[in-house]
Amino acid sequence: MNLELDDMKTAWQELDRRIEQHYALNLTIYRGGKLQDIRRALRPLRWGQQAQVVGGAALILPFARFWVAHLGTLHLMLPGLMMHVYGLMLIASAARTAILIDRIDYSAPVLQIQQCLAELRLWRARVEQPVFAVVGCFIWIPLTLVVFAALGADIWVHAQGVVWSFIASGFACLGILYAIVRVKGRSAVENNFVGRGIRTAQSELDEIARFERE
């Protein structure tokens, strides 16, 4: 009788071991598939940052030449310098985002990956996108002034009222952005700002976490 009980106990232990192995294998396969989906989800964001670096670099050289060539003319030097700085902002912002993406260790525990994604989301939602949204309301003004000056038409000299109307339009745009945030709510606006890739990646990680808890 004792022998039969020992055999049954051994059989149950073996069954438990096989079930654990089967679960571990399923978890590994499931996790691997989901992590691959996360990589794919973040890939367009990485490509976007590469394109942003190229765009920023394309702005720096011509506008640097412009403002250096107009050091003695403040109303032309400042717009050129602003566009130069904007190009540097594009590059710096893209570099920061790329660094945050590279910090993600897909072999790490889910919690650690979630923390990395949360940091990336925070940077996109609370720093990068709001800053560029505000700057975007005004950056077209120095761009317009520089382009027309390069074509031989100095808007500030010949039509200062137009420049002031440009500035007023920039503040109107800023007011519209503020109204959108107030109406839709900050969290809803931020959710749109962070991008589809990050939202998808966080959703996939949540599914892995739920699977591991079950």
N, C-alpha and C. Protein backbone atom coordinates (compact mmCIF):
# COMPACT_ATOMS: atom_id res chain seq x y z
N MET A 1 0.83 -1.21 0.00
CA MET A 1 0.00 0.00 0.00
C MET A 1 0.86 1.26 0.00
N ASN A 2 1.88 1.26 0.89
CA ASN A 2 2.79 2.40 0.95
C ASN A 2 3.52 2.60 -0.36
N LEU A 3 3.84 1.46 -0.98
CA LEU A 3 4.54 1.51 -2.26
C LEU A 3 3.67 2.17 -3.32
N GLU A 4 2.36 1.80 -3.33
CA GLU A 4 1.45 2.39 -4.29
C GLU A 4 1.31 3.90 -4.06
N LEU A 5 1.22 4.31 -2.78
CA LEU A 5 1.14 5.74 -2.47
C LEU A 5 2.38 6.49 -2.92
N ASP A 6 3.55 5.84 -2.70
CA ASP A 6 4.80 6.47 -3.15
C ASP A 6 4.83 6.61 -4.66
N ASP A 7 4.33 5.57 -5.35
CA ASP A 7 4.29 5.63 -6.82
C ASP A 7 3.37 6.73 -7.31
N MET A 8 2.20 6.84 -6.61
CA MET A 8 1.26 7.89 -6.98
C MET A 8 1.84 9.27 -6.72
N LYS A 9 2.53 9.41 -5.58
CA LYS A 9 3.16 10.68 -5.24
C LYS A 9 4.22 11.05 -6.27
N THR A 10 5.01 10.06 -6.66
CA THR A 10 6.05 10.30 -7.67
C THR A 10 5.43 10.69 -9.00
N ALA A 11 4.31 10.01 -9.34
CA ALA A 11 3.64 10.29 -10.61
C ALA A 11 3.08 11.71 -10.63
N TRP A 12 2.48 12.12 -9.47
CA TRP A 12 1.95 13.47 -9.38
C TRP A 12 3.06 14.52 -9.47
N GLN A 13 4.16 14.24 -8.83
CA GLN A 13 5.30 15.16 -8.89
C GLN A 13 5.82 15.29 -10.31
N GLU A 14 5.88 14.15 -10.99
CA GLU A 14 6.33 14.16 -12.38
C GLU A 14 5.36 14.94 -13.26
N LEU A 15 4.05 14.75 -12.98
CA LEU A 15 3.03 15.47 -13.74
C LEU A 15 3.13 16.97 -13.49
N ASP A 16 3.32 17.35 -12.22
CA ASP A 16 3.49 18.77 -11.90
C ASP A 16 4.71 19.36 -12.61
N ARG A 17 5.78 18.58 -12.64
CA ARG A 17 7.00 19.06 -13.29
C ARG A 17 6.77 19.27 -14.78
N ARG A 18 6.05 18.32 -15.40
CA ARG A 18 5.78 18.43 -16.83
C ARG A 18 4.87 19.62 -17.13
N ILE A 19 3.88 19.83 -16.24
CA ILE A 19 2.98 20.97 -16.42
C ILE A 19 3.75 22.28 -16.31
N GLU A 20 4.64 22.36 -15.32
CA GLU A 20 5.46 23.56 -15.16
C GLU A 20 6.35 23.80 -16.36
N GLN A 21 6.93 22.71 -16.88
CA GLN A 21 7.78 22.84 -18.06
C GLN A 21 6.96 23.32 -19.27
N HIS A 22 5.75 22.73 -19.38
CA HIS A 22 4.88 23.11 -20.49
C HIS A 22 4.47 24.58 -20.38
N TYR A 23 4.15 25.01 -19.17
CA TYR A 23 3.77 26.41 -18.96
C TYR A 23 4.94 27.34 -19.26
N ALA A 24 6.14 26.95 -18.78
CA ALA A 24 7.32 27.77 -19.01
C ALA A 24 7.60 27.89 -20.50
N LEU A 25 7.43 26.78 -21.23
CA LEU A 25 7.65 26.80 -22.68
C LEU A 25 6.63 27.70 -23.36
N ASN A 26 5.36 27.56 -22.97
CA ASN A 26 4.32 28.40 -23.55
C ASN A 26 4.57 29.88 -23.25
N LEU A 27 5.01 30.18 -22.02
CA LEU A 27 5.29 31.55 -21.65
C LEU A 27 6.44 32.11 -22.48
N THR A 28 7.48 31.29 -22.67
CA THR A 28 8.63 31.73 -23.47
C THR A 28 8.22 32.04 -24.90
N ILE A 29 7.40 31.14 -25.48
CA ILE A 29 6.95 31.34 -26.86
C ILE A 29 6.05 32.57 -26.96
N TYR A 30 5.13 32.69 -26.00
CA TYR A 30 4.19 33.81 -25.99
C TYR A 30 4.94 35.13 -25.81
N ARG A 31 5.86 35.15 -24.84
CA ARG A 31 6.63 36.35 -24.56
C ARG A 31 7.48 36.75 -25.77
N GLY A 32 8.12 35.74 -26.40
CA GLY A 32 8.95 36.03 -27.56
C GLY A 32 8.15 36.66 -28.70
N GLY A 33 6.94 36.14 -28.92
CA GLY A 33 6.09 36.69 -29.98
C GLY A 33 5.65 38.11 -29.68
N LYS A 34 5.28 38.34 -28.42
CA LYS A 34 4.82 39.68 -28.04
C LYS A 34 5.96 40.70 -28.09
N LEU A 35 7.14 40.29 -27.65
CA LEU A 35 8.29 41.20 -27.69
C LEU A 35 8.66 41.55 -29.13
N GLN A 36 8.48 40.58 -30.02
CA GLN A 36 8.73 40.85 -31.44
C GLN A 36 7.72 41.87 -31.96
N ASP A 37 6.48 41.76 -31.49
CA ASP A 37 5.45 42.74 -31.87
C ASP A 37 5.81 44.13 -31.35
N ILE A 38 6.38 44.18 -30.15
CA ILE A 38 6.77 45.47 -29.57
C ILE A 38 7.88 46.10 -30.40
N ARG A 39 8.85 45.29 -30.80
CA ARG A 39 9.93 45.81 -31.65
C ARG A 39 9.36 46.40 -32.93
N ARG A 40 8.42 45.67 -33.54
CA ARG A 40 7.81 46.15 -34.78
C ARG A 40 7.02 47.43 -34.55
N ALA A 41 6.35 47.50 -33.41
CA ALA A 41 5.54 48.69 -33.11
C ALA A 41 6.41 49.94 -32.95
N LEU A 42 7.60 49.77 -32.39
CA LEU A 42 8.48 50.91 -32.16
C LEU A 42 9.36 51.25 -33.36
N ARG A 43 9.38 50.36 -34.34
CA ARG A 43 10.25 50.58 -35.50
C ARG A 43 9.92 51.87 -36.26
N PRO A 44 8.64 52.15 -36.56
CA PRO A 44 8.34 53.42 -37.26
C PRO A 44 8.78 54.65 -36.47
N LEU A 45 8.69 54.57 -35.14
CA LEU A 45 9.13 55.70 -34.32
C LEU A 45 10.63 55.93 -34.50
N ARG A 46 11.39 54.85 -34.53
CA ARG A 46 12.85 54.97 -34.75
C ARG A 46 13.12 55.55 -36.14
N TRP A 47 12.42 55.07 -37.14
CA TRP A 47 12.60 55.61 -38.49
C TRP A 47 12.26 57.10 -38.53
N GLY A 48 11.21 57.47 -37.80
CA GLY A 48 10.83 58.87 -37.74
C GLY A 48 11.92 59.74 -37.14
N GLN A 49 12.60 59.21 -36.12
CA GLN A 49 13.69 59.97 -35.49
C GLN A 49 14.87 60.12 -36.44
N GLN A 50 15.15 59.09 -37.22
CA GLN A 50 16.23 59.18 -38.20
C GLN A 50 15.91 60.25 -39.25
N ALA A 51 14.65 60.27 -39.69
CA ALA A 51 14.24 61.29 -40.66
C ALA A 51 14.31 62.68 -40.03
N GLN A 52 13.99 62.76 -38.75
CA GLN A 52 14.04 64.06 -38.06
C GLN A 52 15.47 64.57 -37.95
N VAL A 53 16.42 63.68 -37.72
CA VAL A 53 17.82 64.07 -37.67
C VAL A 53 18.26 64.62 -39.02
N VAL A 54 17.87 63.93 -40.08
CA VAL A 54 18.21 64.40 -41.43
C VAL A 54 17.61 65.77 -41.70
N GLY A 55 16.33 65.93 -41.30
CA GLY A 55 15.67 67.22 -41.48
C GLY A 55 16.35 68.33 -40.69
N GLY A 56 16.71 68.03 -39.46
CA GLY A 56 17.39 69.03 -38.64
C GLY A 56 18.73 69.42 -39.21
N ALA A 57 19.49 68.41 -39.68
CA ALA A 57 20.79 68.68 -40.28
C ALA A 57 20.66 69.52 -41.55
N ALA A 58 19.57 69.27 -42.29
CA ALA A 58 19.36 70.02 -43.53
C ALA A 58 19.05 71.50 -43.24
N LEU A 59 18.53 71.78 -42.05
CA LEU A 59 18.23 73.17 -41.70
C LEU A 59 19.45 73.93 -41.21
N ILE A 60 20.34 73.23 -40.52
CA ILE A 60 21.42 73.91 -39.81
C ILE A 60 22.35 74.68 -40.75
N LEU A 61 22.88 74.02 -41.77
CA LEU A 61 23.90 74.65 -42.61
C LEU A 61 23.40 75.89 -43.36
N PRO A 62 22.29 75.81 -44.11
CA PRO A 62 21.86 77.01 -44.85
C PRO A 62 21.47 78.18 -43.94
N PHE A 63 20.81 77.86 -42.82
CA PHE A 63 20.39 78.96 -41.94
C PHE A 63 21.55 79.52 -41.14
N ALA A 64 22.54 78.66 -40.85
CA ALA A 64 23.76 79.16 -40.20
C ALA A 64 24.46 80.15 -41.12
N ARG A 65 24.57 79.80 -42.38
CA ARG A 65 25.18 80.70 -43.35
C ARG A 65 24.40 82.01 -43.44
N PHE A 66 23.09 81.90 -43.38
CA PHE A 66 22.25 83.10 -43.53
C PHE A 66 22.47 84.06 -42.37
N TRP A 67 22.37 83.55 -41.13
CA TRP A 67 22.47 84.50 -40.01
C TRP A 67 23.88 85.04 -39.82
N VAL A 68 24.88 84.22 -40.18
CA VAL A 68 26.26 84.72 -40.12
C VAL A 68 26.48 85.82 -41.16
N ALA A 69 25.84 85.65 -42.32
CA ALA A 69 25.98 86.65 -43.38
C ALA A 69 25.25 87.95 -43.06
N HIS A 70 24.35 87.89 -42.06
CA HIS A 70 23.57 89.09 -41.72
C HIS A 70 23.79 89.51 -40.26
N LEU A 71 25.01 89.37 -39.79
CA LEU A 71 25.33 89.72 -38.41
C LEU A 71 25.05 91.20 -38.11
N GLY A 72 25.16 92.03 -39.11
CA GLY A 72 24.94 93.46 -38.91
C GLY A 72 23.50 93.89 -39.06
N THR A 73 22.62 92.95 -39.39
CA THR A 73 21.20 93.28 -39.59
C THR A 73 20.37 92.41 -38.66
N LEU A 74 20.00 92.99 -37.52
CA LEU A 74 19.38 92.22 -36.44
C LEU A 74 18.08 91.54 -36.87
N HIS A 75 17.24 92.26 -37.63
CA HIS A 75 15.93 91.69 -37.98
C HIS A 75 16.04 90.55 -38.99
N LEU A 76 17.21 90.36 -39.59
CA LEU A 76 17.45 89.21 -40.46
C LEU A 76 18.29 88.13 -39.75
N MET A 77 19.23 88.60 -38.92
CA MET A 77 20.08 87.65 -38.20
C MET A 77 19.24 86.78 -37.25
N LEU A 78 18.33 87.40 -36.51
CA LEU A 78 17.55 86.66 -35.51
C LEU A 78 16.69 85.55 -36.13
N PRO A 79 15.94 85.81 -37.21
CA PRO A 79 15.18 84.71 -37.82
C PRO A 79 16.07 83.56 -38.30
N GLY A 80 17.22 83.91 -38.91
CA GLY A 80 18.14 82.86 -39.35
C GLY A 80 18.67 82.05 -38.18
N LEU A 81 19.00 82.75 -37.08
CA LEU A 81 19.50 82.07 -35.89
C LEU A 81 18.42 81.18 -35.27
N MET A 82 17.18 81.66 -35.28
CA MET A 82 16.08 80.86 -34.75
C MET A 82 15.92 79.56 -35.53
N MET A 83 16.01 79.63 -36.84
CA MET A 83 15.88 78.42 -37.66
C MET A 83 17.06 77.49 -37.44
N HIS A 84 18.25 78.06 -37.23
CA HIS A 84 19.43 77.27 -36.92
C HIS A 84 19.21 76.50 -35.61
N VAL A 85 18.74 77.21 -34.59
CA VAL A 85 18.47 76.58 -33.29
C VAL A 85 17.38 75.54 -33.41
N TYR A 86 16.39 75.81 -34.23
CA TYR A 86 15.30 74.84 -34.44
C TYR A 86 15.84 73.54 -35.03
N GLY A 87 16.76 73.66 -35.97
CA GLY A 87 17.40 72.45 -36.53
C GLY A 87 18.14 71.66 -35.47
N LEU A 88 18.85 72.37 -34.58
CA LEU A 88 19.54 71.70 -33.47
C LEU A 88 18.55 71.04 -32.53
N MET A 89 17.40 71.68 -32.29
CA MET A 89 16.36 71.10 -31.44
C MET A 89 15.84 69.80 -32.02
N LEU A 90 15.63 69.78 -33.33
CA LEU A 90 15.15 68.57 -33.99
C LEU A 90 16.12 67.41 -33.79
N ILE A 91 17.40 67.70 -33.97
CA ILE A 91 18.41 66.66 -33.82
C ILE A 91 18.51 66.19 -32.38
N ALA A 92 18.55 67.13 -31.43
CA ALA A 92 18.67 66.77 -30.02
C ALA A 92 17.47 65.96 -29.54
N SER A 93 16.29 66.36 -29.96
CA SER A 93 15.08 65.65 -29.56
C SER A 93 15.06 64.24 -30.13
N ALA A 94 15.42 64.10 -31.39
CA ALA A 94 15.46 62.77 -32.01
C ALA A 94 16.50 61.88 -31.34
N ALA A 95 17.64 62.45 -31.00
CA ALA A 95 18.70 61.69 -30.34
C ALA A 95 18.22 61.19 -28.98
N ARG A 96 17.54 62.05 -28.23
CA ARG A 96 17.02 61.65 -26.91
C ARG A 96 16.01 60.51 -27.04
N THR A 97 15.11 60.61 -27.99
CA THR A 97 14.11 59.55 -28.20
C THR A 97 14.79 58.25 -28.60
N ALA A 98 15.77 58.33 -29.50
CA ALA A 98 16.49 57.12 -29.93
C ALA A 98 17.22 56.46 -28.76
N ILE A 99 17.80 57.26 -27.88
CA ILE A 99 18.49 56.73 -26.71
C ILE A 99 17.51 55.97 -25.81
N LEU A 100 16.34 56.54 -25.61
CA LEU A 100 15.33 55.90 -24.76
C LEU A 100 14.85 54.59 -25.37
N ILE A 101 14.75 54.55 -26.69
CA ILE A 101 14.36 53.30 -27.36
C ILE A 101 15.45 52.26 -27.21
N ASP A 102 16.71 52.69 -27.37
CA ASP A 102 17.83 51.76 -27.26
C ASP A 102 18.01 51.21 -25.84
N ARG A 103 17.51 51.92 -24.85
CA ARG A 103 17.64 51.46 -23.47
C ARG A 103 16.75 50.26 -23.15
N ILE A 104 15.79 49.99 -24.01
CA ILE A 104 14.87 48.88 -23.76
C ILE A 104 15.60 47.56 -23.94
N ASP A 105 15.70 46.79 -22.86
CA ASP A 105 16.33 45.47 -22.88
C ASP A 105 15.21 44.42 -22.93
N TYR A 106 15.02 43.82 -24.10
CA TYR A 106 13.90 42.90 -24.29
C TYR A 106 14.09 41.57 -23.56
N SER A 107 15.28 41.35 -23.02
CA SER A 107 15.50 40.13 -22.23
C SER A 107 15.24 40.38 -20.74
N ALA A 108 14.98 41.63 -20.38
CA ALA A 108 14.76 41.99 -18.98
C ALA A 108 13.35 41.60 -18.54
N PRO A 109 13.08 41.63 -17.23
CA PRO A 109 11.72 41.37 -16.74
C PRO A 109 10.74 42.39 -17.31
N VAL A 110 9.48 41.97 -17.36
CA VAL A 110 8.43 42.82 -17.93
C VAL A 110 8.36 44.17 -17.23
N LEU A 111 8.49 44.16 -15.90
CA LEU A 111 8.39 45.39 -15.14
C LEU A 111 9.46 46.40 -15.57
N GLN A 112 10.67 45.92 -15.81
CA GLN A 112 11.76 46.80 -16.23
C GLN A 112 11.48 47.38 -17.62
N ILE A 113 10.97 46.55 -18.52
CA ILE A 113 10.63 47.03 -19.87
C ILE A 113 9.51 48.06 -19.78
N GLN A 114 8.53 47.80 -18.91
CA GLN A 114 7.44 48.75 -18.72
C GLN A 114 7.95 50.10 -18.22
N GLN A 115 8.93 50.06 -17.34
CA GLN A 115 9.50 51.30 -16.82
C GLN A 115 10.21 52.09 -17.93
N CYS A 116 10.92 51.37 -18.80
CA CYS A 116 11.60 52.04 -19.92
C CYS A 116 10.59 52.66 -20.87
N LEU A 117 9.51 51.93 -21.15
CA LEU A 117 8.48 52.47 -22.03
C LEU A 117 7.76 53.66 -21.39
N ALA A 118 7.57 53.59 -20.07
CA ALA A 118 6.93 54.69 -19.36
C ALA A 118 7.79 55.95 -19.45
N GLU A 119 9.10 55.78 -19.35
CA GLU A 119 10.01 56.93 -19.47
C GLU A 119 9.96 57.51 -20.88
N LEU A 120 9.91 56.64 -21.88
CA LEU A 120 9.81 57.09 -23.26
C LEU A 120 8.50 57.83 -23.48
N ARG A 121 7.42 57.28 -22.95
CA ARG A 121 6.11 57.92 -23.09
C ARG A 121 6.09 59.29 -22.40
N LEU A 122 6.68 59.37 -21.21
CA LEU A 122 6.72 60.63 -20.47
C LEU A 122 7.49 61.69 -21.24
N TRP A 123 8.61 61.30 -21.83
CA TRP A 123 9.41 62.24 -22.61
C TRP A 123 8.61 62.75 -23.81
N ARG A 124 7.94 61.84 -24.51
CA ARG A 124 7.17 62.22 -25.69
C ARG A 124 5.98 63.11 -25.34
N ALA A 125 5.26 62.72 -24.26
CA ALA A 125 4.00 63.38 -23.94
C ALA A 125 4.18 64.68 -23.17
N ARG A 126 5.17 64.73 -22.28
CA ARG A 126 5.29 65.87 -21.38
C ARG A 126 6.38 66.87 -21.79
N VAL A 127 7.30 66.44 -22.68
CA VAL A 127 8.40 67.33 -23.05
C VAL A 127 8.43 67.57 -24.56
N GLU A 128 8.71 66.52 -25.31
CA GLU A 128 8.97 66.68 -26.74
C GLU A 128 7.77 67.26 -27.50
N GLN A 129 6.64 66.59 -27.41
CA GLN A 129 5.50 67.01 -28.22
C GLN A 129 4.95 68.38 -27.81
N PRO A 130 4.78 68.66 -26.50
CA PRO A 130 4.30 70.01 -26.15
C PRO A 130 5.24 71.12 -26.59
N VAL A 131 6.55 70.90 -26.42
CA VAL A 131 7.52 71.93 -26.81
C VAL A 131 7.42 72.20 -28.31
N PHE A 132 7.38 71.14 -29.11
CA PHE A 132 7.33 71.33 -30.55
C PHE A 132 5.96 71.84 -31.00
N ALA A 133 4.92 71.54 -30.24
CA ALA A 133 3.60 72.09 -30.58
C ALA A 133 3.60 73.60 -30.40
N VAL A 134 4.20 74.07 -29.31
CA VAL A 134 4.27 75.52 -29.06
C VAL A 134 5.20 76.18 -30.08
N VAL A 135 6.37 75.60 -30.27
CA VAL A 135 7.32 76.17 -31.22
C VAL A 135 6.73 76.19 -32.63
N GLY A 136 5.96 75.14 -32.95
CA GLY A 136 5.36 75.06 -34.28
C GLY A 136 4.39 76.19 -34.58
N CYS A 137 3.83 76.80 -33.53
CA CYS A 137 2.92 77.93 -33.75
C CYS A 137 3.65 79.16 -34.25
N PHE A 138 4.96 79.22 -34.02
CA PHE A 138 5.71 80.45 -34.33
C PHE A 138 6.87 80.24 -35.32
N ILE A 139 7.37 79.00 -35.46
CA ILE A 139 8.61 78.80 -36.22
C ILE A 139 8.44 79.14 -37.70
N TRP A 140 7.20 79.08 -38.18
CA TRP A 140 6.98 79.43 -39.59
C TRP A 140 7.24 80.91 -39.86
N ILE A 141 7.20 81.73 -38.82
CA ILE A 141 7.41 83.17 -39.00
C ILE A 141 8.86 83.49 -39.40
N PRO A 142 9.87 83.04 -38.60
CA PRO A 142 11.24 83.29 -39.06
C PRO A 142 11.55 82.58 -40.38
N LEU A 143 10.93 81.43 -40.59
CA LEU A 143 11.15 80.74 -41.87
C LEU A 143 10.68 81.60 -43.03
N THR A 144 9.50 82.19 -42.89
CA THR A 144 8.95 83.05 -43.95
C THR A 144 9.84 84.27 -44.17
N LEU A 145 10.29 84.88 -43.08
CA LEU A 145 11.13 86.08 -43.20
C LEU A 145 12.44 85.76 -43.92
N VAL A 146 13.03 84.62 -43.56
CA VAL A 146 14.31 84.24 -44.18
C VAL A 146 14.13 83.92 -45.66
N VAL A 147 13.10 83.16 -45.98
CA VAL A 147 12.87 82.77 -47.37
C VAL A 147 12.64 84.01 -48.24
N PHE A 148 11.80 84.93 -47.78
CA PHE A 148 11.54 86.14 -48.57
C PHE A 148 12.78 87.02 -48.66
N ALA A 149 13.56 87.09 -47.56
CA ALA A 149 14.80 87.87 -47.60
C ALA A 149 15.78 87.28 -48.61
N ALA A 150 15.84 85.95 -48.64
CA ALA A 150 16.74 85.28 -49.59
C ALA A 150 16.30 85.54 -51.04
N LEU A 151 15.01 85.77 -51.22
CA LEU A 151 14.48 86.06 -52.56
C LEU A 151 14.55 87.55 -52.90
N GLY A 152 15.04 88.35 -51.93
CA GLY A 152 15.23 89.77 -52.18
C GLY A 152 14.13 90.65 -51.64
N ALA A 153 13.19 90.09 -50.85
CA ALA A 153 12.09 90.88 -50.29
C ALA A 153 12.19 90.88 -48.77
N ASP A 154 12.56 92.02 -48.20
CA ASP A 154 12.69 92.15 -46.75
C ASP A 154 11.35 92.59 -46.17
N ILE A 155 10.60 91.64 -45.67
CA ILE A 155 9.24 91.92 -45.19
C ILE A 155 9.25 92.92 -44.04
N TRP A 156 10.23 92.78 -43.14
CA TRP A 156 10.26 93.68 -41.97
C TRP A 156 10.45 95.13 -42.38
N VAL A 157 11.28 95.36 -43.39
CA VAL A 157 11.55 96.73 -43.84
C VAL A 157 10.34 97.30 -44.58
N HIS A 158 9.72 96.50 -45.43
CA HIS A 158 8.67 97.01 -46.31
C HIS A 158 7.26 96.81 -45.77
N ALA A 159 7.07 95.89 -44.82
CA ALA A 159 5.70 95.64 -44.32
C ALA A 159 5.75 95.08 -42.91
N GLN A 160 6.12 95.95 -41.97
CA GLN A 160 6.21 95.49 -40.58
C GLN A 160 4.85 95.03 -40.05
N GLY A 161 3.78 95.65 -40.54
CA GLY A 161 2.45 95.25 -40.10
C GLY A 161 2.16 93.80 -40.40
N VAL A 162 2.69 93.32 -41.53
CA VAL A 162 2.50 91.91 -41.89
C VAL A 162 3.20 91.00 -40.88
N VAL A 163 4.40 91.41 -40.46
CA VAL A 163 5.14 90.61 -39.48
C VAL A 163 4.39 90.54 -38.16
N TRP A 164 3.84 91.68 -37.73
CA TRP A 164 3.07 91.69 -36.49
C TRP A 164 1.81 90.85 -36.61
N SER A 165 1.22 90.82 -37.78
CA SER A 165 0.05 89.96 -37.99
C SER A 165 0.45 88.48 -37.93
N PHE A 166 1.67 88.19 -38.42
CA PHE A 166 2.19 86.82 -38.31
C PHE A 166 2.30 86.42 -36.83
N ILE A 167 2.87 87.33 -36.04
CA ILE A 167 3.06 87.05 -34.62
C ILE A 167 1.71 86.86 -33.92
N ALA A 168 0.75 87.70 -34.28
CA ALA A 168 -0.60 87.56 -33.71
C ALA A 168 -1.21 86.21 -34.08
N SER A 169 -0.96 85.78 -35.31
CA SER A 169 -1.46 84.47 -35.75
C SER A 169 -0.83 83.34 -34.93
N GLY A 170 0.46 83.51 -34.61
CA GLY A 170 1.14 82.52 -33.78
C GLY A 170 0.49 82.38 -32.42
N PHE A 171 0.16 83.53 -31.81
CA PHE A 171 -0.50 83.48 -30.50
C PHE A 171 -1.91 82.93 -30.61
N ALA A 172 -2.58 83.20 -31.72
CA ALA A 172 -3.91 82.62 -31.94
C ALA A 172 -3.83 81.10 -32.03
N CYS A 173 -2.81 80.62 -32.72
CA CYS A 173 -2.58 79.18 -32.82
C CYS A 173 -2.34 78.59 -31.44
N LEU A 174 -1.54 79.29 -30.63
CA LEU A 174 -1.26 78.85 -29.27
C LEU A 174 -2.54 78.79 -28.44
N GLY A 175 -3.40 79.77 -28.63
CA GLY A 175 -4.68 79.78 -27.93
C GLY A 175 -5.56 78.61 -28.32
N ILE A 176 -5.54 78.27 -29.61
CA ILE A 176 -6.32 77.13 -30.09
C ILE A 176 -5.81 75.83 -29.46
N LEU A 177 -4.48 75.68 -29.39
CA LEU A 177 -3.90 74.50 -28.76
C LEU A 177 -4.33 74.39 -27.29
N TYR A 178 -4.30 75.52 -26.61
CA TYR A 178 -4.70 75.54 -25.20
C TYR A 178 -6.17 75.13 -25.06
N ALA A 179 -7.00 75.64 -25.95
CA ALA A 179 -8.43 75.32 -25.90
C ALA A 179 -8.66 73.82 -26.15
N ILE A 180 -7.90 73.25 -27.08
CA ILE A 180 -8.03 71.82 -27.36
C ILE A 180 -7.68 70.99 -26.13
N VAL A 181 -6.60 71.38 -25.45
CA VAL A 181 -6.19 70.66 -24.24
C VAL A 181 -7.27 70.78 -23.17
N ARG A 182 -7.85 71.96 -23.04
CA ARG A 182 -8.89 72.17 -22.03
C ARG A 182 -10.15 71.36 -22.32
N VAL A 183 -10.52 71.30 -23.60
CA VAL A 183 -11.76 70.61 -23.99
C VAL A 183 -11.59 69.10 -23.93
N LYS A 184 -10.52 68.59 -24.54
CA LYS A 184 -10.32 67.15 -24.61
C LYS A 184 -9.74 66.55 -23.33
N GLY A 185 -9.06 67.39 -22.56
CA GLY A 185 -8.39 66.89 -21.36
C GLY A 185 -6.94 66.56 -21.66
N ARG A 186 -6.10 66.80 -20.67
CA ARG A 186 -4.66 66.62 -20.88
C ARG A 186 -4.30 65.19 -21.20
N SER A 187 -4.92 64.23 -20.51
CA SER A 187 -4.57 62.82 -20.72
C SER A 187 -4.92 62.37 -22.14
N ALA A 188 -6.07 62.82 -22.66
CA ALA A 188 -6.47 62.44 -24.02
C ALA A 188 -5.52 63.02 -25.05
N VAL A 189 -5.12 64.28 -24.86
CA VAL A 189 -4.19 64.92 -25.79
C VAL A 189 -2.83 64.23 -25.73
N GLU A 190 -2.37 63.93 -24.52
CA GLU A 190 -1.08 63.25 -24.37
C GLU A 190 -1.12 61.89 -25.03
N ASN A 191 -2.24 61.19 -24.91
CA ASN A 191 -2.36 59.86 -25.51
C ASN A 191 -2.20 59.92 -27.02
N ASN A 192 -2.70 61.01 -27.62
CA ASN A 192 -2.52 61.20 -29.06
C ASN A 192 -1.08 61.60 -29.39
N PHE A 193 -0.48 62.38 -28.52
CA PHE A 193 0.88 62.86 -28.75
C PHE A 193 1.91 61.73 -28.74
N VAL A 194 1.75 60.75 -27.84
CA VAL A 194 2.81 59.76 -27.66
C VAL A 194 3.01 58.89 -28.88
N GLY A 195 1.97 58.73 -29.68
CA GLY A 195 2.12 57.95 -30.89
C GLY A 195 1.58 56.53 -30.75
N ARG A 196 1.16 56.00 -31.86
CA ARG A 196 0.54 54.67 -31.89
C ARG A 196 1.52 53.58 -31.48
N GLY A 197 2.78 53.71 -31.87
CA GLY A 197 3.77 52.67 -31.58
C GLY A 197 3.95 52.44 -30.10
N ILE A 198 4.07 53.53 -29.33
CA ILE A 198 4.27 53.40 -27.88
C ILE A 198 3.01 52.83 -27.23
N ARG A 199 1.84 53.29 -27.66
CA ARG A 199 0.60 52.76 -27.10
C ARG A 199 0.47 51.27 -27.36
N THR A 200 0.81 50.84 -28.57
CA THR A 200 0.75 49.43 -28.91
C THR A 200 1.74 48.62 -28.08
N ALA A 201 2.96 49.13 -27.93
CA ALA A 201 3.99 48.43 -27.16
C ALA A 201 3.55 48.26 -25.70
N GLN A 202 2.97 49.30 -25.12
CA GLN A 202 2.52 49.20 -23.74
C GLN A 202 1.38 48.21 -23.60
N SER A 203 0.50 48.17 -24.57
CA SER A 203 -0.61 47.21 -24.55
C SER A 203 -0.09 45.78 -24.63
N GLU A 204 0.89 45.53 -25.49
CA GLU A 204 1.47 44.19 -25.62
C GLU A 204 2.15 43.77 -24.32
N LEU A 205 2.85 44.69 -23.67
CA LEU A 205 3.51 44.38 -22.40
C LEU A 205 2.48 44.05 -21.32
N ASP A 206 1.38 44.77 -21.31
CA ASP A 206 0.32 44.49 -20.34
C ASP A 206 -0.22 43.08 -20.52
N GLU A 207 -0.33 42.64 -21.77
CA GLU A 207 -0.81 41.28 -22.04
C GLU A 207 0.18 40.24 -21.54
N ILE A 208 1.48 40.50 -21.71
CA ILE A 208 2.49 39.57 -21.19
C ILE A 208 2.39 39.49 -19.68
N ALA A 209 2.24 40.63 -19.04
CA ALA A 209 2.14 40.68 -17.56
C ALA A 209 0.93 39.89 -17.09
N ARG A 210 -0.21 40.04 -17.79
CA ARG A 210 -1.41 39.29 -17.40
C ARG A 210 -1.21 37.79 -17.58
N PHE A 211 -0.55 37.41 -18.68
CA PHE A 211 -0.29 35.98 -18.94
C PHE A 211 0.61 35.38 -17.85
N GLU A 212 1.61 36.16 -17.42
CA GLU A 212 2.51 35.67 -16.39
C GLU A 212 1.81 35.52 -15.05
N ARG A 213 0.82 36.34 -14.78
CA ARG A 213 0.10 36.26 -13.50
C ARG A 213 -0.89 35.10 -13.46
N GLU A 214 -1.36 34.69 -14.62
CA GLU A 214 -2.38 33.62 -14.66
C GLU A 214 -1.76 32.24 -14.37
